[in-house]
Amino acid sequence: MKPCALLFLCLLVVCAQYVFARQAGDGLNEQQRLGRQIVAQSCGVCHLPPARNAKTYGPLLNKAAGGGDDAVVREYILDGTPRMPAFKYFLRPTEIDAIISYLKTVPVPAPAPAPR
């Protein structure tokens, strides 16, 4: 029984190291990873396309959001807009900081080629 438990423990350690290495390889720090998670959970329904080439309800989020101004992005998140709800009672300040930090890592997509 002990050899099986030892083998299981070794496999568990190797798998955990593999998962950690994959997450660490994304180039994001812990705050940015938290921001990515919050964007996916709270913002993605409107700001992330559900399928390839699908349109979104809100604008795509990237480092140019809010004109690249952290204060503007923070204000949008806190107070909302006519088409977006306010999140000041839903998200903590550290979570909003994490979203802003993550958005700084998201490149602006290249413009779509003009149709011929």
N, C-alpha and C. Protein backbone atom coordinates (compact mmCIF):
# COMPACT_ATOMS: atom_id res chain seq x y z
N MET A 1 0.82 -1.19 0.00
CA MET A 1 0.00 0.00 0.00
C MET A 1 0.86 1.26 0.00
N LYS A 2 1.96 1.26 0.73
CA LYS A 2 2.81 2.43 0.80
C LYS A 2 3.44 2.77 -0.55
N PRO A 3 3.88 1.82 -1.36
CA PRO A 3 4.45 2.18 -2.67
C PRO A 3 3.42 2.90 -3.56
N CYS A 4 2.16 2.47 -3.49
CA CYS A 4 1.12 3.13 -4.29
C CYS A 4 0.91 4.56 -3.81
N ALA A 5 0.90 4.77 -2.49
CA ALA A 5 0.71 6.11 -1.94
C ALA A 5 1.89 7.00 -2.32
N LEU A 6 3.09 6.45 -2.29
CA LEU A 6 4.27 7.22 -2.66
C LEU A 6 4.24 7.59 -4.14
N LEU A 7 3.84 6.65 -4.98
CA LEU A 7 3.72 6.92 -6.41
C LEU A 7 2.67 8.01 -6.67
N PHE A 8 1.55 7.90 -5.99
CA PHE A 8 0.49 8.91 -6.13
C PHE A 8 0.99 10.29 -5.70
N LEU A 9 1.70 10.35 -4.60
CA LEU A 9 2.25 11.61 -4.11
C LEU A 9 3.23 12.21 -5.11
N CYS A 10 4.09 11.37 -5.68
CA CYS A 10 5.05 11.85 -6.69
C CYS A 10 4.34 12.39 -7.92
N LEU A 11 3.31 11.69 -8.37
CA LEU A 11 2.54 12.17 -9.53
C LEU A 11 1.86 13.50 -9.22
N LEU A 12 1.34 13.62 -8.03
CA LEU A 12 0.68 14.85 -7.61
C LEU A 12 1.66 16.03 -7.62
N VAL A 13 2.86 15.81 -7.11
CA VAL A 13 3.88 16.86 -7.07
C VAL A 13 4.28 17.25 -8.49
N VAL A 14 4.48 16.28 -9.37
CA VAL A 14 4.88 16.57 -10.74
C VAL A 14 3.78 17.34 -11.46
N CYS A 15 2.54 16.93 -11.28
CA CYS A 15 1.42 17.63 -11.93
C CYS A 15 1.29 19.06 -11.40
N ALA A 16 1.45 19.24 -10.11
CA ALA A 16 1.36 20.58 -9.53
C ALA A 16 2.46 21.48 -10.08
N GLN A 17 3.67 20.95 -10.23
CA GLN A 17 4.76 21.73 -10.78
C GLN A 17 4.48 22.10 -12.23
N TYR A 18 3.90 21.18 -12.99
CA TYR A 18 3.57 21.43 -14.39
C TYR A 18 2.53 22.55 -14.49
N VAL A 19 1.48 22.48 -13.69
CA VAL A 19 0.43 23.50 -13.71
C VAL A 19 1.02 24.84 -13.30
N PHE A 20 1.82 24.88 -12.26
CA PHE A 20 2.43 26.13 -11.82
C PHE A 20 3.34 26.70 -12.90
N ALA A 21 4.10 25.86 -13.54
CA ALA A 21 5.02 26.33 -14.59
C ALA A 21 4.23 26.90 -15.76
N ARG A 22 3.11 26.30 -16.11
CA ARG A 22 2.29 26.83 -17.21
C ARG A 22 1.71 28.18 -16.85
N GLN A 23 1.23 28.33 -15.62
CA GLN A 23 0.66 29.60 -15.20
C GLN A 23 1.75 30.66 -15.11
N ALA A 24 2.90 30.30 -14.59
CA ALA A 24 3.99 31.26 -14.45
C ALA A 24 4.52 31.66 -15.82
N GLY A 25 4.36 30.81 -16.82
CA GLY A 25 4.85 31.09 -18.16
C GLY A 25 4.01 32.07 -18.93
N ASP A 26 2.92 32.54 -18.36
CA ASP A 26 2.07 33.48 -19.08
C ASP A 26 2.59 34.91 -19.00
N GLY A 27 3.65 35.13 -18.21
CA GLY A 27 4.25 36.45 -18.11
C GLY A 27 3.51 37.42 -17.22
N LEU A 28 2.48 36.96 -16.53
CA LEU A 28 1.69 37.83 -15.66
C LEU A 28 2.10 37.64 -14.21
N ASN A 29 2.01 38.72 -13.43
CA ASN A 29 2.23 38.58 -12.00
C ASN A 29 0.90 38.19 -11.33
N GLU A 30 0.92 37.99 -10.03
CA GLU A 30 -0.28 37.53 -9.32
C GLU A 30 -1.44 38.52 -9.45
N GLN A 31 -1.14 39.82 -9.36
CA GLN A 31 -2.19 40.83 -9.47
C GLN A 31 -2.82 40.78 -10.87
N GLN A 32 -2.01 40.64 -11.89
CA GLN A 32 -2.52 40.58 -13.26
C GLN A 32 -3.33 39.31 -13.50
N ARG A 33 -2.90 38.21 -12.91
CA ARG A 33 -3.69 36.97 -13.03
C ARG A 33 -5.05 37.13 -12.37
N LEU A 34 -5.08 37.78 -11.20
CA LEU A 34 -6.36 38.05 -10.55
C LEU A 34 -7.22 38.93 -11.45
N GLY A 35 -6.62 39.95 -12.05
CA GLY A 35 -7.36 40.82 -12.96
C GLY A 35 -7.92 40.06 -14.15
N ARG A 36 -7.12 39.14 -14.71
CA ARG A 36 -7.60 38.32 -15.83
C ARG A 36 -8.79 37.48 -15.41
N GLN A 37 -8.73 36.92 -14.22
CA GLN A 37 -9.83 36.10 -13.70
C GLN A 37 -11.09 36.95 -13.51
N ILE A 38 -10.96 38.13 -12.95
CA ILE A 38 -12.11 39.00 -12.71
C ILE A 38 -12.71 39.46 -14.03
N VAL A 39 -11.85 39.81 -14.99
CA VAL A 39 -12.36 40.22 -16.31
C VAL A 39 -13.16 39.08 -16.92
N ALA A 40 -12.65 37.86 -16.85
CA ALA A 40 -13.36 36.72 -17.42
C ALA A 40 -14.69 36.49 -16.71
N GLN A 41 -14.71 36.63 -15.39
CA GLN A 41 -15.92 36.34 -14.62
C GLN A 41 -16.93 37.48 -14.63
N SER A 42 -16.48 38.71 -14.52
CA SER A 42 -17.40 39.83 -14.33
C SER A 42 -17.59 40.70 -15.57
N CYS A 43 -16.60 40.73 -16.43
CA CYS A 43 -16.64 41.64 -17.58
C CYS A 43 -16.82 40.90 -18.91
N GLY A 44 -16.44 39.65 -18.91
CA GLY A 44 -16.39 38.89 -20.16
C GLY A 44 -17.71 38.73 -20.87
N VAL A 45 -18.80 38.70 -20.13
CA VAL A 45 -20.09 38.50 -20.77
C VAL A 45 -20.39 39.60 -21.79
N CYS A 46 -19.89 40.79 -21.57
CA CYS A 46 -20.11 41.90 -22.50
C CYS A 46 -18.87 42.29 -23.30
N HIS A 47 -17.69 42.06 -22.74
CA HIS A 47 -16.48 42.58 -23.36
C HIS A 47 -15.60 41.54 -24.05
N LEU A 48 -15.92 40.27 -23.90
CA LEU A 48 -15.15 39.23 -24.59
C LEU A 48 -16.04 38.55 -25.60
N PRO A 49 -15.55 38.34 -26.83
CA PRO A 49 -16.41 37.69 -27.83
C PRO A 49 -16.70 36.24 -27.45
N PRO A 50 -17.96 35.81 -27.57
CA PRO A 50 -18.29 34.44 -27.21
C PRO A 50 -17.76 33.42 -28.21
N ALA A 51 -17.51 33.84 -29.43
CA ALA A 51 -16.99 32.93 -30.45
C ALA A 51 -16.15 33.75 -31.44
N ARG A 52 -15.35 33.06 -32.19
CA ARG A 52 -14.50 33.73 -33.17
C ARG A 52 -15.35 34.57 -34.13
N ASN A 53 -14.90 35.79 -34.37
CA ASN A 53 -15.55 36.75 -35.26
C ASN A 53 -16.92 37.21 -34.78
N ALA A 54 -17.26 36.94 -33.53
CA ALA A 54 -18.54 37.42 -32.99
C ALA A 54 -18.35 38.84 -32.47
N LYS A 55 -19.41 39.61 -32.49
CA LYS A 55 -19.36 40.98 -31.97
C LYS A 55 -19.63 40.93 -30.47
N THR A 56 -19.13 41.94 -29.76
CA THR A 56 -19.37 42.04 -28.33
C THR A 56 -20.36 43.17 -28.07
N TYR A 57 -21.00 43.12 -26.90
CA TYR A 57 -21.92 44.18 -26.51
C TYR A 57 -21.15 45.44 -26.17
N GLY A 58 -20.08 45.27 -25.39
CA GLY A 58 -19.23 46.39 -25.01
C GLY A 58 -17.95 46.35 -25.83
N PRO A 59 -17.15 47.40 -25.73
CA PRO A 59 -15.88 47.41 -26.48
C PRO A 59 -14.91 46.36 -25.95
N LEU A 60 -14.03 45.91 -26.82
CA LEU A 60 -12.99 44.98 -26.38
C LEU A 60 -12.09 45.69 -25.38
N LEU A 61 -11.67 44.97 -24.36
CA LEU A 61 -10.82 45.55 -23.33
C LEU A 61 -9.36 45.25 -23.64
N ASN A 62 -8.55 46.29 -23.59
CA ASN A 62 -7.11 46.15 -23.81
C ASN A 62 -6.42 47.36 -23.20
N LYS A 63 -5.13 47.50 -23.46
CA LYS A 63 -4.36 48.58 -22.83
C LYS A 63 -4.80 49.97 -23.28
N ALA A 64 -5.55 50.07 -24.37
CA ALA A 64 -6.04 51.37 -24.84
C ALA A 64 -7.40 51.74 -24.26
N ALA A 65 -7.98 50.86 -23.44
CA ALA A 65 -9.30 51.14 -22.85
C ALA A 65 -9.22 52.44 -22.04
N GLY A 66 -10.24 53.25 -22.16
CA GLY A 66 -10.26 54.52 -21.43
C GLY A 66 -9.17 55.46 -21.90
N GLY A 67 -8.73 55.31 -23.13
CA GLY A 67 -7.65 56.16 -23.64
C GLY A 67 -6.32 55.84 -23.00
N GLY A 68 -6.23 54.66 -22.36
CA GLY A 68 -4.98 54.27 -21.69
C GLY A 68 -4.80 54.94 -20.34
N ASP A 69 -5.83 55.65 -19.86
CA ASP A 69 -5.77 56.38 -18.60
C ASP A 69 -6.38 55.54 -17.48
N ASP A 70 -5.56 55.18 -16.49
CA ASP A 70 -6.03 54.35 -15.37
C ASP A 70 -7.20 54.99 -14.63
N ALA A 71 -7.17 56.29 -14.45
CA ALA A 71 -8.24 56.98 -13.71
C ALA A 71 -9.57 56.88 -14.45
N VAL A 72 -9.53 56.95 -15.77
CA VAL A 72 -10.76 56.84 -16.56
C VAL A 72 -11.32 55.42 -16.46
N VAL A 73 -10.47 54.43 -16.58
CA VAL A 73 -10.90 53.04 -16.48
C VAL A 73 -11.50 52.80 -15.09
N ARG A 74 -10.84 53.29 -14.06
CA ARG A 74 -11.34 53.13 -12.69
C ARG A 74 -12.72 53.77 -12.54
N GLU A 75 -12.89 54.96 -13.11
CA GLU A 75 -14.19 55.65 -13.03
C GLU A 75 -15.27 54.85 -13.75
N TYR A 76 -14.96 54.33 -14.93
CA TYR A 76 -15.93 53.50 -15.66
C TYR A 76 -16.34 52.29 -14.84
N ILE A 77 -15.36 51.63 -14.23
CA ILE A 77 -15.67 50.44 -13.44
C ILE A 77 -16.50 50.81 -12.22
N LEU A 78 -16.11 51.85 -11.52
CA LEU A 78 -16.82 52.24 -10.29
C LEU A 78 -18.23 52.76 -10.57
N ASP A 79 -18.34 53.70 -11.51
CA ASP A 79 -19.62 54.40 -11.71
C ASP A 79 -20.43 53.90 -12.90
N GLY A 80 -19.83 53.08 -13.74
CA GLY A 80 -20.55 52.58 -14.90
C GLY A 80 -20.71 53.64 -15.97
N THR A 81 -21.48 53.32 -16.97
CA THR A 81 -21.81 54.22 -18.07
C THR A 81 -23.29 54.00 -18.38
N PRO A 82 -23.87 54.75 -19.30
CA PRO A 82 -25.28 54.49 -19.62
C PRO A 82 -25.55 53.06 -20.08
N ARG A 83 -24.55 52.39 -20.66
CA ARG A 83 -24.73 51.01 -21.13
C ARG A 83 -24.06 49.97 -20.24
N MET A 84 -23.38 50.40 -19.19
CA MET A 84 -22.63 49.47 -18.34
C MET A 84 -22.98 49.72 -16.87
N PRO A 85 -23.24 48.66 -16.12
CA PRO A 85 -23.56 48.86 -14.70
C PRO A 85 -22.32 49.28 -13.90
N ALA A 86 -22.56 49.93 -12.79
CA ALA A 86 -21.48 50.30 -11.87
C ALA A 86 -21.09 49.07 -11.06
N PHE A 87 -19.82 48.96 -10.75
CA PHE A 87 -19.32 47.83 -9.97
C PHE A 87 -18.76 48.26 -8.61
N LYS A 88 -19.05 49.49 -8.18
CA LYS A 88 -18.46 50.00 -6.94
C LYS A 88 -18.93 49.23 -5.71
N TYR A 89 -20.07 48.58 -5.77
CA TYR A 89 -20.55 47.80 -4.63
C TYR A 89 -20.28 46.31 -4.81
N PHE A 90 -19.72 45.95 -5.95
CA PHE A 90 -19.47 44.54 -6.26
C PHE A 90 -17.99 44.18 -6.19
N LEU A 91 -17.13 45.09 -6.65
CA LEU A 91 -15.69 44.82 -6.67
C LEU A 91 -14.97 45.64 -5.62
N ARG A 92 -13.99 45.01 -4.99
CA ARG A 92 -13.14 45.72 -4.01
C ARG A 92 -12.10 46.56 -4.75
N PRO A 93 -11.57 47.59 -4.09
CA PRO A 93 -10.53 48.41 -4.74
C PRO A 93 -9.34 47.60 -5.24
N THR A 94 -8.93 46.57 -4.49
CA THR A 94 -7.79 45.75 -4.95
C THR A 94 -8.15 44.97 -6.21
N GLU A 95 -9.41 44.59 -6.36
CA GLU A 95 -9.84 43.88 -7.56
C GLU A 95 -9.87 44.83 -8.77
N ILE A 96 -10.29 46.05 -8.54
CA ILE A 96 -10.28 47.04 -9.62
C ILE A 96 -8.85 47.33 -10.04
N ASP A 97 -7.95 47.46 -9.06
CA ASP A 97 -6.52 47.65 -9.38
C ASP A 97 -6.00 46.47 -10.20
N ALA A 98 -6.44 45.26 -9.86
CA ALA A 98 -5.99 44.07 -10.58
C ALA A 98 -6.49 44.09 -12.02
N ILE A 99 -7.73 44.51 -12.23
CA ILE A 99 -8.28 44.61 -13.59
C ILE A 99 -7.45 45.59 -14.41
N ILE A 100 -7.19 46.76 -13.83
CA ILE A 100 -6.42 47.78 -14.54
C ILE A 100 -5.02 47.27 -14.85
N SER A 101 -4.41 46.59 -13.90
CA SER A 101 -3.07 46.04 -14.10
C SER A 101 -3.09 45.00 -15.22
N TYR A 102 -4.10 44.16 -15.25
CA TYR A 102 -4.20 43.14 -16.30
C TYR A 102 -4.43 43.79 -17.67
N LEU A 103 -5.32 44.78 -17.73
CA LEU A 103 -5.61 45.41 -19.02
C LEU A 103 -4.36 46.00 -19.66
N LYS A 104 -3.42 46.44 -18.84
CA LYS A 104 -2.16 47.00 -19.37
C LYS A 104 -1.34 45.95 -20.12
N THR A 105 -1.64 44.67 -19.90
CA THR A 105 -0.90 43.59 -20.56
C THR A 105 -1.58 43.12 -21.84
N VAL A 106 -2.80 43.57 -22.09
CA VAL A 106 -3.56 43.11 -23.25
C VAL A 106 -3.27 44.02 -24.44
N PRO A 107 -2.66 43.49 -25.49
CA PRO A 107 -2.32 44.34 -26.63
C PRO A 107 -3.57 44.81 -27.38
N VAL A 108 -3.42 45.93 -28.03
CA VAL A 108 -4.49 46.45 -28.88
C VAL A 108 -4.52 45.60 -30.14
N PRO A 109 -5.69 45.08 -30.51
CA PRO A 109 -5.74 44.23 -31.72
C PRO A 109 -5.43 45.05 -32.98
N ALA A 110 -4.87 44.38 -33.93
CA ALA A 110 -4.57 45.02 -35.21
C ALA A 110 -5.88 45.37 -35.91
N PRO A 111 -5.92 46.48 -36.62
CA PRO A 111 -7.17 46.83 -37.33
C PRO A 111 -7.51 45.78 -38.37
N ALA A 112 -8.80 45.56 -38.53
CA ALA A 112 -9.25 44.58 -39.53
C ALA A 112 -8.96 45.10 -40.92
N PRO A 113 -8.56 44.22 -41.83
CA PRO A 113 -8.31 44.68 -43.20
C PRO A 113 -9.59 45.19 -43.84
N ALA A 114 -9.46 46.19 -44.68
CA ALA A 114 -10.62 46.76 -45.35
C ALA A 114 -11.17 45.75 -46.37
N PRO A 115 -12.51 45.62 -46.41
CA PRO A 115 -13.09 44.69 -47.39
C PRO A 115 -12.84 45.18 -48.81
N ARG A 116 -12.67 44.24 -49.70
CA ARG A 116 -12.39 44.59 -51.10
C ARG A 116 -13.63 44.64 -51.91
